[in-house]
């Protein structure tokens, strides 16, 4: 039986596009915006190539209720293996009942929207300009199923969410065994910007997700490249992680300059690291400045929650971007990243988070939180009001209410009958 059979209208023998596209939308796939299906849409788009209107507009206008010849649809099937796979009658999406899952996300989102406690960070002046009511959540599964809520188109700088990504880059570049000659892999038990090293590990930063470790990691990025190339080296990797999001990632120069102007403690950390030999003291003063500049720049990369959720989906997919099939990080690097995120990703709240939520995550003082559900997908939240630990109040509450603890996920939502479970194991 053809995979098109269930979409063919008996009376006409043609493929009903509305029925087919409803199948995708109900499963969280926005086929008009999903880059995996661009060639498919070009093949089945109506009109000729000389049409004055963009083909997307022409197609969208006529899509609903449109029927198309089976031969044209069969030609479109040849353009995308993903398209063929997703239309197969026996294919199961990672999120089996996406509409129910989406409803659960939306209900928890609305509940957390009422939460108004917390304070916006002020030590980086540009971040203090965020409005306290902002609240966004996005989800992206390893099949590319997407759900967005609230202010998900608003851009924000990722701040400390950059740290596991930076660690991933240097791990892939020089190998984890070399990275961990300079940076440990243990929770610190101190504030993220504490000027302190791990004496038990040999006077090196405790882990790459605190400032001492992240600044040391920045010193390991392509040291023979000029500063502009080092930034491009990192930025392009971040872009590959987020490829497939409707909005490309960006760089916020205002926030970067604000951090550069007010980052006195990070300058102190940098010189402390040089003094302790964590960063070579043979580097010139100009070279030392370039290290902290790169760190500030990577904290000033901008995303919205949808882009950040795609990053999470890429990590959940073993480092392979869902939409491009590009291997961005090696599986071993991703494993190391997620282990560190689970142990150390939520500042001094990390132990509580691991116990209560049980999923790898990283937060930033902009109010962003990236959560990875290995093998399932990525969740991204943004709300600028922070708790005393420096984590988004709404974001932490959202994940506690959602109850997607890794032990539960790995056992197919053990409190729900298997045939009704939301997530495919």
Foldseek 3Di string as FASTA:
>chain_A
DDLQVVQADPVPRWGQQQVVCVLQVQQQHPLLQFPQQPQLLVLFQDDDPPDPDDSSVSCVVQRHRDTDHPVSNVVSCVSHVLSRQSSHPPHAAQQRRVVVVLVLLVVLQVVLLPDQDFAFDPLLPVLNPDDQSAKKKWWQWLQGRIDIDGPQVDKDQQALVLQLLLLLLLCQVPNPVVLCVAEAQAADLDFLLDLADDVVSPRHHHHRSGLLNVLLSLCSQPVVDPLVVSLVSSQVLLQQLLPRFSDTKAFDVSSLVSCVVSVPSSVVSLVSCCVSCSHPVVDDPVSSVSSVSSSSRSSRIMDGFSSLQQSLNCLLVQQQRSRPRDRSGHNVSSVSSFSSQQRHAQTNCSVVCCVQQVFRWHHRQSQKMWTHQRNTTIMIMGRRGADPRSHRPSVSSSSNVSRPHNVCVVCQNVVDPNVPGRGDD
